[in-house]
Amino acid sequence: MAGVRRAPLTTWQFCVWTICVTLGFACWLFLDPVWTFLSFLLLGAASWVLISRKEWLTPVPRKQAIWIFLGIGALFLAILGQKLWWPGLQERGSGFEKWVRNPAIVIPLWAFIVGLKFLLWKRCRAAACVQT
């Protein structure tokens, strides 16, 4: 889809995206590790918000759809394989999990991601104003 030009981000898309990302990082930081899936759900929802109406209505090419389903299948197998073939992985990963949930890691990562998206949004708004 190299020829498809993305529509500029609207203000509501940027605001909803920022809220979803902020809530996702807050869940990642403050909630029990059992609720980590909620943070990933919110971060995934943030990506869906960025899709414009035109992109929603454009059919996905067959080749791209095959790669999407293969990627989802590989992710599913990796998650299932982690539980089945590496049952001790959860005990060994507790130190890494504490490190990843450290506020000194999470807050700068959140600020970096939101800052980059803010710069992209401002640049898209400026480009859209020049075109009209």
Protein backbone atom coordinates (compact mmCIF):
# COMPACT_ATOMS: atom_id res chain seq x y z
CA MET A 1 0.00 0.00 0.00
CA ALA A 2 2.82 2.36 -0.87
CA GLY A 3 0.55 4.56 -2.99
CA VAL A 4 -2.02 5.20 -0.25
CA ARG A 5 -1.55 8.54 1.45
CA ARG A 6 -2.50 8.68 5.12
CA ALA A 7 -5.01 11.26 6.24
CA PRO A 8 -3.67 13.73 8.82
CA LEU A 9 -4.44 12.95 12.43
CA THR A 10 -7.44 14.81 13.75
CA THR A 11 -7.47 16.42 17.17
CA TRP A 12 -9.89 13.87 18.61
CA GLN A 13 -7.75 10.99 17.31
CA PHE A 14 -4.68 12.42 18.99
CA CYS A 15 -6.54 13.07 22.27
CA VAL A 16 -8.13 9.61 22.43
CA TRP A 17 -4.80 8.01 21.45
CA THR A 18 -3.04 9.91 24.25
CA ILE A 19 -5.67 8.86 26.81
CA CYS A 20 -5.42 5.19 25.76
CA VAL A 21 -1.62 5.21 25.86
CA THR A 22 -1.55 6.98 29.22
CA LEU A 23 -4.04 4.54 30.74
CA GLY A 24 -2.12 1.62 29.24
CA PHE A 25 1.15 2.75 30.78
CA ALA A 26 -0.60 3.52 34.10
CA CYS A 27 -2.02 -0.02 34.20
CA TRP A 28 1.41 -1.38 33.36
CA LEU A 29 2.97 0.64 36.16
CA PHE A 30 0.42 0.46 38.98
CA LEU A 31 -1.66 -2.70 38.56
CA ASP A 32 -0.72 -6.20 39.59
CA PRO A 33 1.17 -8.19 36.91
CA VAL A 34 -1.95 -10.32 36.45
CA TRP A 35 -3.58 -7.27 34.82
CA THR A 36 -0.79 -6.68 32.30
CA PHE A 37 -3.13 -7.81 29.51
CA LEU A 38 -5.30 -4.77 30.25
CA SER A 39 -2.40 -2.43 29.57
CA PHE A 40 -1.64 -4.18 26.28
CA LEU A 41 -5.32 -4.02 25.37
CA LEU A 42 -5.34 -0.26 25.93
CA LEU A 43 -2.11 0.20 23.97
CA GLY A 44 -3.58 -1.86 21.13
CA ALA A 45 -6.78 0.20 21.22
CA ALA A 46 -4.65 3.31 20.84
CA SER A 47 -3.38 1.98 17.52
CA TRP A 48 -6.91 1.33 16.27
CA VAL A 49 -7.93 4.93 17.03
CA LEU A 50 -5.34 6.22 14.55
CA ILE A 51 -6.97 4.47 11.58
CA SER A 52 -8.94 6.90 9.44
CA ARG A 53 -12.40 6.19 8.00
CA LYS A 54 -10.93 5.88 4.51
CA GLU A 55 -8.45 3.26 5.70
CA TRP A 56 -11.21 1.34 7.51
CA LEU A 57 -13.23 1.14 4.31
CA THR A 58 -10.33 0.21 2.00
CA PRO A 59 -10.18 -3.56 1.44
CA VAL A 60 -7.00 -5.30 2.58
CA PRO A 61 -5.03 -6.89 -0.27
CA ARG A 62 -4.94 -10.69 -0.18
CA LYS A 63 -1.15 -10.87 0.25
CA GLN A 64 -1.26 -8.49 3.20
CA ALA A 65 -4.18 -10.38 4.79
CA ILE A 66 -2.18 -13.62 4.64
CA TRP A 67 0.74 -11.97 6.44
CA ILE A 68 -1.62 -10.54 9.07
CA PHE A 69 -3.09 -13.97 9.85
CA LEU A 70 0.35 -15.59 9.87
CA GLY A 71 1.58 -12.95 12.33
CA ILE A 72 -1.42 -13.44 14.62
CA GLY A 73 -0.91 -17.21 14.47
CA ALA A 74 2.81 -16.90 15.30
CA LEU A 75 2.00 -14.63 18.25
CA PHE A 76 -0.62 -17.10 19.49
CA LEU A 77 1.86 -20.00 19.19
CA ALA A 78 4.54 -18.02 21.03
CA ILE A 79 2.17 -17.27 23.92
CA LEU A 80 0.94 -20.86 24.03
CA GLY A 81 4.49 -22.20 23.74
CA GLN A 82 5.65 -20.07 26.63
CA LYS A 83 3.03 -21.64 28.89
CA LEU A 84 3.51 -25.23 27.64
CA TRP A 85 7.22 -25.63 26.93
CA TRP A 86 8.75 -23.13 29.37
CA PRO A 87 6.71 -23.43 32.57
CA GLY A 88 9.63 -22.22 34.71
CA LEU A 89 10.01 -19.05 32.67
CA GLN A 90 7.61 -17.15 34.89
CA GLU A 91 9.75 -17.68 38.03
CA ARG A 92 12.98 -16.75 36.23
CA GLY A 93 11.46 -13.63 34.66
CA SER A 94 10.40 -12.00 37.93
CA GLY A 95 13.56 -9.87 38.18
CA PHE A 96 13.17 -8.64 34.62
CA GLU A 97 9.49 -7.91 35.24
CA LYS A 98 10.33 -5.77 38.27
CA TRP A 99 12.88 -3.88 36.20
CA VAL A 100 10.43 -3.30 33.33
CA ARG A 101 7.75 -2.06 35.73
CA ASN A 102 10.15 0.41 37.36
CA PRO A 103 8.83 4.00 37.17
CA ALA A 104 12.27 5.14 36.02
CA ILE A 105 11.74 3.03 32.88
CA VAL A 106 7.98 3.38 32.32
CA ILE A 107 7.58 7.15 32.72
CA PRO A 108 10.38 8.19 30.32
CA LEU A 109 9.19 5.61 27.79
CA TRP A 110 5.64 7.01 28.03
CA ALA A 111 6.92 10.58 27.68
CA PHE A 112 9.06 9.64 24.67
CA ILE A 113 6.20 7.89 22.85
CA VAL A 114 3.64 10.63 23.55
CA GLY A 115 6.18 13.33 22.64
CA LEU A 116 6.95 11.70 19.29
CA LYS A 117 3.26 11.36 18.47
CA PHE A 118 2.68 14.99 19.48
CA LEU A 119 5.41 16.14 17.09
CA LEU A 120 3.92 13.99 14.32
CA TRP A 121 0.45 15.39 15.01
CA LYS A 122 1.71 18.99 14.92
CA ARG A 123 3.59 18.32 11.67
CA CYS A 124 0.50 16.70 10.11
CA ARG A 125 -1.66 19.66 11.14
CA ALA A 126 0.85 22.11 9.68
CA ALA A 127 1.03 20.15 6.41
CA ALA A 128 -2.78 19.94 6.20
CA CYS A 129 -3.10 23.71 6.71
CA VAL A 130 -0.59 24.40 3.94
CA GLN A 131 -2.40 22.08 1.47
CA THR A 132 -5.81 23.73 1.91
